[in-house]
Structure formats: structure tokens, C-alpha cells
């Protein structure tokens, strides 16, 4: 059996309408999830993406047992999350990028010791795991520092350590790198990959940072308006939208540029010629051949479309 098995998951909320910032007596029903089905194998690293309001956080709360489904079935490790909350909590870890599970005014190590008691981790196992996480996440410099005095990157590493102290089989990550600098992001990604490989931890990552998805997840699930829109490998998704390439070329002297295919858009940026073209219609080697025959090239760069731009195009096409 898959570790996570979701079939026909449906969740609605009743909300009061607003007008000019004031709540009205009228109510409306919002469908956060509409018969969503998917499966996740043990040890898999799944990227769960979609725009704000797509239903991602609702899914995570249902899988954690915080919410109860209106319809459909959900099992995680053979358990129904909201029916076996205590037992289920022993096997999961959760990190929300903008929320904390650690205590704000006490040293990190004190929070860890309290989490050890909450999860009933045996003393020897706790010490071994603490040493592993301290080394992997470089926690040693601030274990005895109150959480409120740590930088954002340090706090996130401390949160990750706290969520993994009891060696959960499943880790939920919601925007784990939000606000982090480039170095901290790279360190966090490396740690998550090593944790996944070393311990077979199943990881479900929800984020708007497509660089995180690209670095960590081969499989992605796209959600929009509460419906599943795509479930498959990331390269297959990007291939539909990674259609344009851009070449920037600067010449060392006079040039005679041959006629380019009609589908190639050419413009000037100072001394540079900028060519945008659909790679499936016009092969890059053909463009390069024309540019080389035009004159001596001083500088040439090839740019792919950014992943964020491709995902934005995908959302636009799907009317999200």
C-alpha cells in the first residue's frame, strides 16, 4: 500500500460574506478541496504546488489530522489521521515557514527536551538523534540561545531539528525557505535531501519557490480551485511551458546578419542583439550557425526561461 492514500477528498467551509469591511449575516460555502485523489509512496519527495487559495494548506491540515474531511477517504501509514490523532502524531513532523512549534523565550535545547517528553522519545535514542541533527543542521552555536534571539535562518534550522527529533516517517513542509538568504536555502535543501536518502523520510513540500521544487522534487502535484490539475514528473510539466529561448550576442566588428526565420524576434539592447525564438520550431544550432556567419562574435549567452515564469504561464493557461 502507498504510505499516503487520498481518494475523493472533499472539504468545504462556510464563511460569512463581507461588504465594505463589515461581516454580514449572509453566508456562503467555499469548496477548498473538490474530490482530490493521489497517492504517495514511502520515501517519496512530493512537491505540492498551486496559487494562494488552491487548497494546499487545507490538504496538509487534513493529512495531519487537524481537520476532518467532508467526503472521501484518507489514510497515512494505514491510519485515518483525524480518527487516530495521538498515534498519527507520533509518525509525522510539520514545519510551517511562518509559524513556530518551539517556545519563543526559552533556549532551543529546552524546547527540544520538552518535545522529547511530548513524543516520549527514550533518552538514549533522543541523545543520538540530537547529535545527528546538531551536526547536520549546525545547531551547536545556538542550542542554548532563546529562539527570539536567532536569525531567520537559524530559527528555521532549529524548527527542522525540532520536527525531526522523534524520527517521523512523514515530514510536511509549508514554505520552509520563505525569507531565507541564498546560502541558508542551499543548506536547507542539502539537509532535506540527505534526510530523505539516509532515513527514507517521506516529504511533502508545499511552496511558491520553484527553485526549491526543482532542487528537491522530481514529482509534482498541481492544485487549483480545489481540483487536481496535474500529477506527474516535473520535467514533463515544464516541457509544456519551457518553449522559448533567448540569445544575447555582441559582435567585435561589422556584421551582415542573414535573414532569420519569421518566428525569431530580434531586438537591440545597447551593443547586443537579443533574439527570442521557440526552440521546438527553430533549433538552437541553426540560430548559432546564422549568427556565426554574420561576423566575429565577441560575446554570446543563451538564456532559458526562469521556472517561476513558466509556472506563472501555467497558472495563466489554467485560469488559476
C-alpha atoms as a PDB file:
ATOM      1  CA  UNK A   1       0.000   0.000   0.000  1.00  0.00           C
ATOM      2  CA  UNK A   2       1.129   3.588  -0.596  1.00  0.00           C
ATOM      3  CA  UNK A   3       2.102   5.465   2.554  1.00  0.00           C
ATOM      4  CA  UNK A   4      -0.391   8.255   1.789  1.00  0.00           C
ATOM      5  CA  UNK A   5      -3.618   7.261   0.066  1.00  0.00           C
ATOM      6  CA  UNK A   6      -6.124  10.025  -0.712  1.00  0.00           C
ATOM      7  CA  UNK A   7      -9.312   9.195  -2.594  1.00  0.00           C
ATOM      8  CA  UNK A   8     -12.068  11.687  -3.456  1.00  0.00           C
ATOM      9  CA  UNK A   9     -11.027  14.094  -0.705  1.00  0.00           C
ATOM     10  CA  UNK A  10     -13.555  16.911  -0.315  1.00  0.00           C
ATOM     11  CA  UNK A  11     -13.621  19.770   2.180  1.00  0.00           C
ATOM     12  CA  UNK A  12     -15.918  22.800   2.299  1.00  0.00           C
ATOM     13  CA  UNK A  13     -16.085  25.787   4.630  1.00  0.00           C
ATOM     14  CA  UNK A  14     -18.965  28.085   5.478  1.00  0.00           C
ATOM     15  CA  UNK A  15     -17.935  31.735   5.594  1.00  0.00           C
ATOM     16  CA  UNK A  16     -19.796  34.957   6.272  1.00  0.00           C
ATOM     17  CA  UNK A  17     -19.886  37.472   3.463  1.00  0.00           C
ATOM     18  CA  UNK A  18     -18.255  40.864   3.778  1.00  0.00           C
ATOM     19  CA  UNK A  19     -19.222  44.284   2.483  1.00  0.00           C
ATOM     20  CA  UNK A  20     -17.084  47.390   2.941  1.00  0.00           C
ATOM     21  CA  UNK A  21     -15.019  45.521   5.526  1.00  0.00           C
ATOM     22  CA  UNK A  22     -18.024  44.511   7.635  1.00  0.00           C
ATOM     23  CA  UNK A  23     -19.288  40.972   8.219  1.00  0.00           C
ATOM     24  CA  UNK A  24     -22.824  40.309   7.040  1.00  0.00           C
ATOM     25  CA  UNK A  25     -25.363  37.772   8.237  1.00  0.00           C
ATOM     26  CA  UNK A  26     -25.340  36.119   4.822  1.00  0.00           C
ATOM     27  CA  UNK A  27     -23.155  33.052   4.494  1.00  0.00           C
ATOM     28  CA  UNK A  28     -21.619  31.241   1.555  1.00  0.00           C
ATOM     29  CA  UNK A  29     -19.993  27.847   1.064  1.00  0.00           C
ATOM     30  CA  UNK A  30     -16.430  27.633  -0.221  1.00  0.00           C
ATOM     31  CA  UNK A  31     -15.151  24.360  -1.638  1.00  0.00           C
ATOM     32  CA  UNK A  32     -11.482  24.141  -0.620  1.00  0.00           C
ATOM     33  CA  UNK A  33     -10.987  20.614  -1.997  1.00  0.00           C
ATOM     34  CA  UNK A  34     -13.155  19.005  -4.649  1.00  0.00           C
ATOM     35  CA  UNK A  35     -12.757  15.205  -4.914  1.00  0.00           C
ATOM     36  CA  UNK A  36      -8.950  15.207  -4.914  1.00  0.00           C
ATOM     37  CA  UNK A  37      -7.185  11.848  -5.217  1.00  0.00           C
ATOM     38  CA  UNK A  38      -3.472  10.988  -5.097  1.00  0.00           C
ATOM     39  CA  UNK A  39      -1.014   8.535  -3.558  1.00  0.00           C
ATOM     40  CA  UNK A  40       2.480   8.957  -2.135  1.00  0.00           C
ATOM     41  CA  UNK A  41       4.910   6.082  -1.638  1.00  0.00           C
ATOM     42  CA  UNK A  42       7.108   5.679   1.449  1.00  0.00           C
ATOM     43  CA  UNK A  43      10.335   7.655   0.981  1.00  0.00           C
ATOM     44  CA  UNK A  44       8.964   9.818  -1.843  1.00  0.00           C
ATOM     45  CA  UNK A  45       9.591  13.567  -2.018  1.00  0.00           C
ATOM     46  CA  UNK A  46       6.484  15.263  -3.456  1.00  0.00           C
ATOM     47  CA  UNK A  47       6.140  18.900  -4.473  1.00  0.00           C
ATOM     48  CA  UNK A  48       2.598  20.205  -3.871  1.00  0.00           C
ATOM     49  CA  UNK A  49       2.120  23.485  -5.721  1.00  0.00           C
ATOM     50  CA  UNK A  50      -0.605  25.914  -6.689  1.00  0.00           C
ATOM     51  CA  UNK A  51      -1.545  29.584  -6.215  1.00  0.00           C
ATOM     52  CA  UNK A  52      -2.843  31.011  -2.953  1.00  0.00           C
ATOM     53  CA  UNK A  53      -6.261  29.635  -2.100  1.00  0.00           C
ATOM     54  CA  UNK A  54      -5.771  26.464  -4.177  1.00  0.00           C
ATOM     55  CA  UNK A  55      -6.330  24.165  -1.177  1.00  0.00           C
ATOM     56  CA  UNK A  56      -2.747  23.168  -0.366  1.00  0.00           C
ATOM     57  CA  UNK A  57      -2.789  24.117   3.329  1.00  0.00           C
ATOM     58  CA  UNK A  58      -6.219  22.526   3.756  1.00  0.00           C
ATOM     59  CA  UNK A  59      -4.807  19.282   2.361  1.00  0.00           C
ATOM     60  CA  UNK A  60      -1.890  19.361   4.799  1.00  0.00           C
ATOM     61  CA  UNK A  61      -4.212  20.022   7.748  1.00  0.00           C
ATOM     62  CA  UNK A  62      -6.377  17.074   6.737  1.00  0.00           C
ATOM     63  CA  UNK A  63      -3.356  14.804   6.369  1.00  0.00           C
ATOM     64  CA  UNK A  64      -2.118  15.932   9.788  1.00  0.00           C
ATOM     65  CA  UNK A  65      -5.500  15.235  11.391  1.00  0.00           C
ATOM     66  CA  UNK A  66      -6.196  18.868  12.289  1.00  0.00           C
ATOM     67  CA  UNK A  67      -9.288  18.942  10.041  1.00  0.00           C
ATOM     68  CA  UNK A  68     -11.908  16.317   9.238  1.00  0.00           C
ATOM     69  CA  UNK A  69     -12.905  15.567   5.644  1.00  0.00           C
ATOM     70  CA  UNK A  70     -16.470  16.125   4.454  1.00  0.00           C
ATOM     71  CA  UNK A  71     -16.185  13.306   1.936  1.00  0.00           C
ATOM     72  CA  UNK A  72     -13.626  10.856   0.590  1.00  0.00           C
ATOM     73  CA  UNK A  73     -11.055   8.659   2.321  1.00  0.00           C
ATOM     74  CA  UNK A  74      -7.573   9.393   3.640  1.00  0.00           C
ATOM     75  CA  UNK A  75      -5.053   7.010   5.169  1.00  0.00           C
ATOM     76  CA  UNK A  76      -1.498   7.859   6.216  1.00  0.00           C
ATOM     77  CA  UNK A  77       0.562   4.876   7.233  1.00  0.00           C
ATOM     78  CA  UNK A  78      -2.650   2.878   7.444  1.00  0.00           C
ATOM     79  CA  UNK A  79      -4.284   5.359   9.851  1.00  0.00           C
ATOM     80  CA  UNK A  80      -7.126   7.803   9.302  1.00  0.00           C
ATOM     81  CA  UNK A  81      -5.455  10.999  10.577  1.00  0.00           C
ATOM     82  CA  UNK A  82      -8.412  12.648  12.364  1.00  0.00           C
ATOM     83  CA  UNK A  83      -9.566   9.383  13.932  1.00  0.00           C
ATOM     84  CA  UNK A  84      -6.167   8.365  15.350  1.00  0.00           C
ATOM     85  CA  UNK A  85      -4.662  11.757  16.175  1.00  0.00           C
ATOM     86  CA  UNK A  86      -2.324  10.726  19.007  1.00  0.00           C
ATOM     87  CA  UNK A  87      -0.942   7.670  17.262  1.00  0.00           C
ATOM     88  CA  UNK A  88      -0.702   9.527  13.963  1.00  0.00           C
ATOM     89  CA  UNK A  89       1.170  12.459  15.552  1.00  0.00           C
ATOM     90  CA  UNK A  90       3.981  10.110  16.593  1.00  0.00           C
ATOM     91  CA  UNK A  91       4.854   9.412  12.961  1.00  0.00           C
ATOM     92  CA  UNK A  92       4.692  12.905  11.426  1.00  0.00           C
ATOM     93  CA  UNK A  93       6.657  16.139  11.617  1.00  0.00           C
ATOM     94  CA  UNK A  94       5.434  19.538  10.472  1.00  0.00           C
ATOM     95  CA  UNK A  95       7.316  22.742   9.659  1.00  0.00           C
ATOM     96  CA  UNK A  96       5.382  25.877   8.726  1.00  0.00           C
ATOM     97  CA  UNK A  97       7.638  28.641   7.429  1.00  0.00           C
ATOM     98  CA  UNK A  98       5.727  31.413   9.230  1.00  0.00           C
ATOM     99  CA  UNK A  99       4.767  29.551  12.433  1.00  0.00           C
ATOM    100  CA  UNK A 100       6.809  28.087  15.249  1.00  0.00           C
ATOM    101  CA  UNK A 101       6.494  24.911  17.263  1.00  0.00           C
ATOM    102  CA  UNK A 102       9.333  25.973  19.572  1.00  0.00           C
ATOM    103  CA  UNK A 103       8.946  28.247  22.590  1.00  0.00           C
ATOM    104  CA  UNK A 104       9.889  31.838  21.853  1.00  0.00           C
ATOM    105  CA  UNK A 105      11.565  32.907  25.094  1.00  0.00           C
ATOM    106  CA  UNK A 106      13.463  29.765  26.112  1.00  0.00           C
ATOM    107  CA  UNK A 107      16.680  28.249  24.765  1.00  0.00           C
ATOM    108  CA  UNK A 108      16.258  25.891  21.824  1.00  0.00           C
ATOM    109  CA  UNK A 109      17.568  22.930  23.830  1.00  0.00           C
ATOM    110  CA  UNK A 110      14.809  23.438  26.430  1.00  0.00           C
ATOM    111  CA  UNK A 111      12.179  23.267  23.695  1.00  0.00           C
ATOM    112  CA  UNK A 112      13.812  20.097  22.389  1.00  0.00           C
ATOM    113  CA  UNK A 113      13.721  18.483  25.826  1.00  0.00           C
ATOM    114  CA  UNK A 114      10.028  19.295  26.146  1.00  0.00           C
ATOM    115  CA  UNK A 115       9.381  17.832  22.677  1.00  0.00           C
ATOM    116  CA  UNK A 116      11.280  14.728  23.770  1.00  0.00           C
ATOM    117  CA  UNK A 117       8.830  14.310  26.635  1.00  0.00           C
ATOM    118  CA  UNK A 118       5.782  15.053  24.463  1.00  0.00           C
ATOM    119  CA  UNK A 119       6.784  12.419  21.912  1.00  0.00           C
ATOM    120  CA  UNK A 120       8.107  10.065  24.602  1.00  0.00           C
ATOM    121  CA  UNK A 121      11.472   9.581  22.914  1.00  0.00           C
ATOM    122  CA  UNK A 122      13.714   7.289  25.004  1.00  0.00           C
ATOM    123  CA  UNK A 123      16.726   9.079  26.489  1.00  0.00           C
ATOM    124  CA  UNK A 124      19.432   7.220  24.588  1.00  0.00           C
ATOM    125  CA  UNK A 125      17.585   7.491  21.284  1.00  0.00           C
ATOM    126  CA  UNK A 126      16.989  11.201  21.914  1.00  0.00           C
ATOM    127  CA  UNK A 127      20.678  11.895  22.569  1.00  0.00           C
ATOM    128  CA  UNK A 128      21.737  10.031  19.441  1.00  0.00           C
ATOM    129  CA  UNK A 129      19.193  11.838  17.289  1.00  0.00           C
ATOM    130  CA  UNK A 130      20.071  15.217  18.833  1.00  0.00           C
ATOM    131  CA  UNK A 131      23.740  14.689  17.965  1.00  0.00           C
ATOM    132  CA  UNK A 132      22.830  13.736  14.373  1.00  0.00           C
ATOM    133  CA  UNK A 133      20.653  16.798  13.888  1.00  0.00           C
ATOM    134  CA  UNK A 134      23.108  19.122  15.619  1.00  0.00           C
ATOM    135  CA  UNK A 135      25.849  18.063  13.200  1.00  0.00           C
ATOM    136  CA  UNK A 136      23.661  18.023  10.081  1.00  0.00           C
ATOM    137  CA  UNK A 137      21.985  21.387  10.760  1.00  0.00           C
ATOM    138  CA  UNK A 138      24.928  23.090  12.512  1.00  0.00           C
ATOM    139  CA  UNK A 139      22.836  23.774  15.632  1.00  0.00           C
ATOM    140  CA  UNK A 140      25.709  23.747  18.124  1.00  0.00           C
ATOM    141  CA  UNK A 141      26.303  27.502  18.151  1.00  0.00           C
ATOM    142  CA  UNK A 142      22.780  28.400  19.253  1.00  0.00           C
ATOM    143  CA  UNK A 143      21.257  25.395  21.057  1.00  0.00           C
ATOM    144  CA  UNK A 144      21.432  27.330  24.328  1.00  0.00           C
ATOM    145  CA  UNK A 145      20.123  30.600  22.870  1.00  0.00           C
ATOM    146  CA  UNK A 146      16.464  31.678  23.164  1.00  0.00           C
ATOM    147  CA  UNK A 147      14.596  31.311  19.884  1.00  0.00           C
ATOM    148  CA  UNK A 148      13.702  35.033  19.759  1.00  0.00           C
ATOM    149  CA  UNK A 149      17.408  35.951  19.506  1.00  0.00           C
ATOM    150  CA  UNK A 150      18.111  33.788  16.471  1.00  0.00           C
ATOM    151  CA  UNK A 151      18.264  34.881  12.843  1.00  0.00           C
ATOM    152  CA  UNK A 152      15.582  33.650  10.460  1.00  0.00           C
ATOM    153  CA  UNK A 153      17.906  31.029   9.005  1.00  0.00           C
ATOM    154  CA  UNK A 154      18.890  29.778  12.456  1.00  0.00           C
ATOM    155  CA  UNK A 155      15.255  29.622  13.550  1.00  0.00           C
ATOM    156  CA  UNK A 156      14.312  27.545  10.518  1.00  0.00           C
ATOM    157  CA  UNK A 157      17.130  25.093  11.189  1.00  0.00           C
ATOM    158  CA  UNK A 158      16.025  24.886  14.815  1.00  0.00           C
ATOM    159  CA  UNK A 159      12.413  24.263  13.713  1.00  0.00           C
ATOM    160  CA  UNK A 160      13.532  21.483  11.392  1.00  0.00           C
ATOM    161  CA  UNK A 161      15.543  19.897  14.178  1.00  0.00           C
ATOM    162  CA  UNK A 162      12.529  20.013  16.487  1.00  0.00           C
ATOM    163  CA  UNK A 163      10.241  18.433  13.905  1.00  0.00           C
ATOM    164  CA  UNK A 164      12.656  15.539  13.349  1.00  0.00           C
ATOM    165  CA  UNK A 165      13.689  14.723  16.930  1.00  0.00           C
ATOM    166  CA  UNK A 166      11.220  11.835  17.117  1.00  0.00           C
ATOM    167  CA  UNK A 167      12.333  10.467  13.702  1.00  0.00           C
ATOM    168  CA  UNK A 168       8.975  10.834  11.929  1.00  0.00           C
ATOM    169  CA  UNK A 169       8.257   8.757   8.854  1.00  0.00           C
ATOM    170  CA  UNK A 170       6.499  11.704   7.191  1.00  0.00           C
ATOM    171  CA  UNK A 171       7.531  15.366   7.127  1.00  0.00           C
ATOM    172  CA  UNK A 172       5.230  18.169   5.970  1.00  0.00           C
ATOM    173  CA  UNK A 173       6.992  21.354   4.873  1.00  0.00           C
ATOM    174  CA  UNK A 174       4.957  24.501   4.189  1.00  0.00           C
ATOM    175  CA  UNK A 175       7.085  27.325   2.721  1.00  0.00           C
ATOM    176  CA  UNK A 176      10.214  26.190   4.631  1.00  0.00           C
ATOM    177  CA  UNK A 177      12.602  28.620   2.892  1.00  0.00           C
ATOM    178  CA  UNK A 178      10.436  31.749   2.956  1.00  0.00           C
ATOM    179  CA  UNK A 179      12.572  34.778   3.805  1.00  0.00           C
ATOM    180  CA  UNK A 180      15.860  32.852   3.826  1.00  0.00           C
ATOM    181  CA  UNK A 181      19.001  34.087   2.082  1.00  0.00           C
ATOM    182  CA  UNK A 182      20.588  32.107  -0.748  1.00  0.00           C
ATOM    183  CA  UNK A 183      23.166  30.354   1.451  1.00  0.00           C
ATOM    184  CA  UNK A 184      20.559  29.277   4.009  1.00  0.00           C
ATOM    185  CA  UNK A 185      18.303  27.965   1.236  1.00  0.00           C
ATOM    186  CA  UNK A 186      21.074  25.828  -0.217  1.00  0.00           C
ATOM    187  CA  UNK A 187      21.971  24.425   3.211  1.00  0.00           C
ATOM    188  CA  UNK A 188      18.344  23.598   3.936  1.00  0.00           C
ATOM    189  CA  UNK A 189      17.859  21.847   0.595  1.00  0.00           C
ATOM    190  CA  UNK A 190      21.020  19.777   1.076  1.00  0.00           C
ATOM    191  CA  UNK A 191      19.849  18.705   4.518  1.00  0.00           C
ATOM    192  CA  UNK A 192      16.394  17.682   3.303  1.00  0.00           C
ATOM    193  CA  UNK A 193      17.876  15.562   0.518  1.00  0.00           C
ATOM    194  CA  UNK A 194      20.273  13.851   2.926  1.00  0.00           C
ATOM    195  CA  UNK A 195      17.469  13.227   5.447  1.00  0.00           C
ATOM    196  CA  UNK A 196      15.307  11.736   2.723  1.00  0.00           C
ATOM    197  CA  UNK A 197      18.093   9.475   1.461  1.00  0.00           C
ATOM    198  CA  UNK A 198      19.516   8.431   4.843  1.00  0.00           C
ATOM    199  CA  UNK A 199      16.256   7.748   6.684  1.00  0.00           C
ATOM    200  CA  UNK A 200      13.733   7.214   3.894  1.00  0.00           C
ATOM    201  CA  UNK A 201      11.657  10.088   5.258  1.00  0.00           C
ATOM    202  CA  UNK A 202       8.620  10.825   3.116  1.00  0.00           C
ATOM    203  CA  UNK A 203       8.497  14.573   2.471  1.00  0.00           C
ATOM    204  CA  UNK A 204       5.561  16.602   1.193  1.00  0.00           C
ATOM    205  CA  UNK A 205       6.652  20.118   0.229  1.00  0.00           C
ATOM    206  CA  UNK A 206       4.243  22.981  -0.402  1.00  0.00           C
ATOM    207  CA  UNK A 207       5.898  26.171  -1.608  1.00  0.00           C
ATOM    208  CA  UNK A 208       5.776  29.027  -4.112  1.00  0.00           C
ATOM    209  CA  UNK A 209       9.566  28.838  -4.543  1.00  0.00           C
ATOM    210  CA  UNK A 210      10.032  26.840  -7.723  1.00  0.00           C
ATOM    211  CA  UNK A 211      13.773  26.611  -7.166  1.00  0.00           C
ATOM    212  CA  UNK A 212      13.009  24.550  -4.050  1.00  0.00           C
ATOM    213  CA  UNK A 213      10.737  22.293  -6.084  1.00  0.00           C
ATOM    214  CA  UNK A 214      13.333  21.910  -8.843  1.00  0.00           C
ATOM    215  CA  UNK A 215      16.129  21.093  -6.393  1.00  0.00           C
ATOM    216  CA  UNK A 216      14.166  18.641  -4.247  1.00  0.00           C
ATOM    217  CA  UNK A 217      11.208  17.120  -6.096  1.00  0.00           C
ATOM    218  CA  UNK A 218      11.004  15.037  -9.237  1.00  0.00           C
ATOM    219  CA  UNK A 219       7.248  14.577  -8.907  1.00  0.00           C
ATOM    220  CA  UNK A 220       4.829  17.483  -8.523  1.00  0.00           C
ATOM    221  CA  UNK A 221       1.117  17.737  -7.916  1.00  0.00           C
ATOM    222  CA  UNK A 222      -0.590  20.943  -9.090  1.00  0.00           C
ATOM    223  CA  UNK A 223      -3.757  22.095  -7.346  1.00  0.00           C
ATOM    224  CA  UNK A 224      -6.092  24.877  -8.471  1.00  0.00           C
ATOM    225  CA  UNK A 225      -9.523  25.917  -7.211  1.00  0.00           C
ATOM    226  CA  UNK A 226      -9.547  22.796  -5.053  1.00  0.00           C
ATOM    227  CA  UNK A 227      -9.060  20.437  -8.010  1.00  0.00           C
ATOM    228  CA  UNK A 228      -6.076  18.336  -9.034  1.00  0.00           C
ATOM    229  CA  UNK A 229      -4.771  19.691 -12.331  1.00  0.00           C
ATOM    230  CA  UNK A 230      -1.535  17.763 -12.807  1.00  0.00           C
ATOM    231  CA  UNK A 231       0.225  14.853 -11.133  1.00  0.00           C
ATOM    232  CA  UNK A 232       3.473  13.627 -12.627  1.00  0.00           C
ATOM    233  CA  UNK A 233       7.162  14.292 -13.116  1.00  0.00           C
ATOM    234  CA  UNK A 234       8.363  17.891 -13.032  1.00  0.00           C
ATOM    235  CA  UNK A 235      10.228  17.697 -16.392  1.00  0.00           C
ATOM    236  CA  UNK A 236       7.004  16.633 -18.122  1.00  0.00           C
ATOM    237  CA  UNK A 237       5.185  19.641 -16.669  1.00  0.00           C
ATOM    238  CA  UNK A 238       7.903  22.109 -17.596  1.00  0.00           C
ATOM    239  CA  UNK A 239       8.270  20.735 -21.118  1.00  0.00           C
ATOM    240  CA  UNK A 240       4.817  22.115 -21.920  1.00  0.00           C
ATOM    241  CA  UNK A 241       5.839  25.654 -20.954  1.00  0.00           C
ATOM    242  CA  UNK A 242       9.609  25.730 -21.476  1.00  0.00           C
ATOM    243  CA  UNK A 243       9.186  26.714 -25.120  1.00  0.00           C
ATOM    244  CA  UNK A 244      11.221  29.901 -25.566  1.00  0.00           C
ATOM    245  CA  UNK A 245      14.962  30.568 -25.575  1.00  0.00           C
ATOM    246  CA  UNK A 246      16.783  33.899 -25.666  1.00  0.00           C
ATOM    247  CA  UNK A 247      20.209  34.540 -27.188  1.00  0.00           C
ATOM    248  CA  UNK A 248      22.229  37.671 -26.496  1.00  0.00           C
ATOM    249  CA  UNK A 249      25.103  38.285 -28.883  1.00  0.00           C
ATOM    250  CA  UNK A 250      27.642  41.092 -29.263  1.00  0.00           C
ATOM    251  CA  UNK A 251      29.920  41.313 -32.275  1.00  0.00           C
ATOM    252  CA  UNK A 252      33.522  42.510 -32.489  1.00  0.00           C
ATOM    253  CA  UNK A 253      33.035  44.368 -35.777  1.00  0.00           C
ATOM    254  CA  UNK A 254      30.731  44.972 -38.693  1.00  0.00           C
ATOM    255  CA  UNK A 255      28.196  42.255 -39.405  1.00  0.00           C
ATOM    256  CA  UNK A 256      25.889  41.090 -42.154  1.00  0.00           C
ATOM    257  CA  UNK A 257      23.065  39.266 -40.428  1.00  0.00           C
ATOM    258  CA  UNK A 258      21.269  36.824 -42.710  1.00  0.00           C
ATOM    259  CA  UNK A 259      17.514  36.679 -42.810  1.00  0.00           C
ATOM    260  CA  UNK A 260      16.215  34.934 -39.721  1.00  0.00           C
ATOM    261  CA  UNK A 261      13.140  32.691 -39.581  1.00  0.00           C
ATOM    262  CA  UNK A 262       9.898  34.620 -39.102  1.00  0.00           C
ATOM    263  CA  UNK A 263       9.324  33.099 -35.677  1.00  0.00           C
ATOM    264  CA  UNK A 264      12.549  34.686 -34.337  1.00  0.00           C
ATOM    265  CA  UNK A 265      12.047  38.017 -32.589  1.00  0.00           C
ATOM    266  CA  UNK A 266      15.093  40.292 -32.725  1.00  0.00           C
ATOM    267  CA  UNK A 267      15.763  43.493 -30.785  1.00  0.00           C
ATOM    268  CA  UNK A 268      18.709  45.617 -29.640  1.00  0.00           C
ATOM    269  CA  UNK A 269      19.987  46.208 -26.124  1.00  0.00           C
ATOM    270  CA  UNK A 270      22.901  48.594 -26.461  1.00  0.00           C
ATOM    271  CA  UNK A 271      25.659  46.712 -28.309  1.00  0.00           C
ATOM    272  CA  UNK A 272      23.787  43.416 -28.000  1.00  0.00           C
ATOM    273  CA  UNK A 273      21.401  41.754 -30.409  1.00  0.00           C
ATOM    274  CA  UNK A 274      18.670  39.916 -28.489  1.00  0.00           C
ATOM    275  CA  UNK A 275      16.976  37.002 -30.222  1.00  0.00           C
ATOM    276  CA  UNK A 276      13.935  35.231 -28.777  1.00  0.00           C
ATOM    277  CA  UNK A 277      12.790  32.080 -30.535  1.00  0.00           C
ATOM    278  CA  UNK A 278      10.640  28.956 -29.987  1.00  0.00           C
ATOM    279  CA  UNK A 279      13.169  26.156 -29.613  1.00  0.00           C
ATOM    280  CA  UNK A 280      10.815  23.469 -30.905  1.00  0.00           C
ATOM    281  CA  UNK A 281      10.372  25.316 -34.217  1.00  0.00           C
ATOM    282  CA  UNK A 282      13.852  26.760 -34.625  1.00  0.00           C
ATOM    283  CA  UNK A 283      16.767  24.606 -33.420  1.00  0.00           C
ATOM    284  CA  UNK A 284      19.404  26.460 -31.427  1.00  0.00           C
ATOM    285  CA  UNK A 285      22.236  25.133 -33.621  1.00  0.00           C
ATOM    286  CA  UNK A 286      20.558  26.674 -36.695  1.00  0.00           C
ATOM    287  CA  UNK A 287      20.373  30.079 -34.965  1.00  0.00           C
ATOM    288  CA  UNK A 288      24.013  29.791 -33.885  1.00  0.00           C
ATOM    289  CA  UNK A 289      25.084  28.955 -37.419  1.00  0.00           C
ATOM    290  CA  UNK A 290      23.392  32.089 -38.783  1.00  0.00           C
ATOM    291  CA  UNK A 291      24.925  34.255 -36.063  1.00  0.00           C
ATOM    292  CA  UNK A 292      28.445  32.877 -36.632  1.00  0.00           C
ATOM    293  CA  UNK A 293      28.240  33.509 -40.364  1.00  0.00           C
ATOM    294  CA  UNK A 294      27.232  37.125 -39.708  1.00  0.00           C
ATOM    295  CA  UNK A 295      30.614  38.189 -38.299  1.00  0.00           C
ATOM    296  CA  UNK A 296      33.145  37.760 -35.471  1.00  0.00           C
ATOM    297  CA  UNK A 297      31.304  37.124 -32.187  1.00  0.00           C
ATOM    298  CA  UNK A 298      32.730  38.852 -29.109  1.00  0.00           C
ATOM    299  CA  UNK A 299      30.199  37.591 -26.573  1.00  0.00           C
ATOM    300  CA  UNK A 300      27.218  35.226 -26.669  1.00  0.00           C
ATOM    301  CA  UNK A 301      24.924  33.935 -23.934  1.00  0.00           C
ATOM    302  CA  UNK A 302      21.944  31.590 -24.055  1.00  0.00           C
ATOM    303  CA  UNK A 303      19.140  32.118 -21.529  1.00  0.00           C
ATOM    304  CA  UNK A 304      16.432  29.626 -20.599  1.00  0.00           C
ATOM    305  CA  UNK A 305      13.109  30.790 -19.250  1.00  0.00           C
ATOM    306  CA  UNK A 306      13.000  31.025 -15.491  1.00  0.00           C
ATOM    307  CA  UNK A 307      10.994  28.338 -13.739  1.00  0.00           C
ATOM    308  CA  UNK A 308       8.898  30.973 -11.977  1.00  0.00           C
ATOM    309  CA  UNK A 309       7.932  32.445 -15.353  1.00  0.00           C
ATOM    310  CA  UNK A 310       6.960  29.034 -16.681  1.00  0.00           C
ATOM    311  CA  UNK A 311       4.814  28.273 -13.651  1.00  0.00           C
ATOM    312  CA  UNK A 312       3.168  31.698 -13.958  1.00  0.00           C
ATOM    313  CA  UNK A 313       2.318  30.878 -17.580  1.00  0.00           C
ATOM    314  CA  UNK A 314       0.908  27.544 -16.472  1.00  0.00           C
ATOM    315  CA  UNK A 315      -1.331  29.196 -13.886  1.00  0.00           C
ATOM    316  CA  UNK A 316      -2.494  31.699 -16.505  1.00  0.00           C
ATOM    317  CA  UNK A 317      -3.332  28.968 -19.005  1.00  0.00           C
ATOM    318  CA  UNK A 318      -5.232  27.003 -16.345  1.00  0.00           C
ATOM    319  CA  UNK A 319      -7.082  30.188 -15.329  1.00  0.00           C
ATOM    320  CA  UNK A 320      -5.824  29.973 -11.747  1.00  0.00           C
END
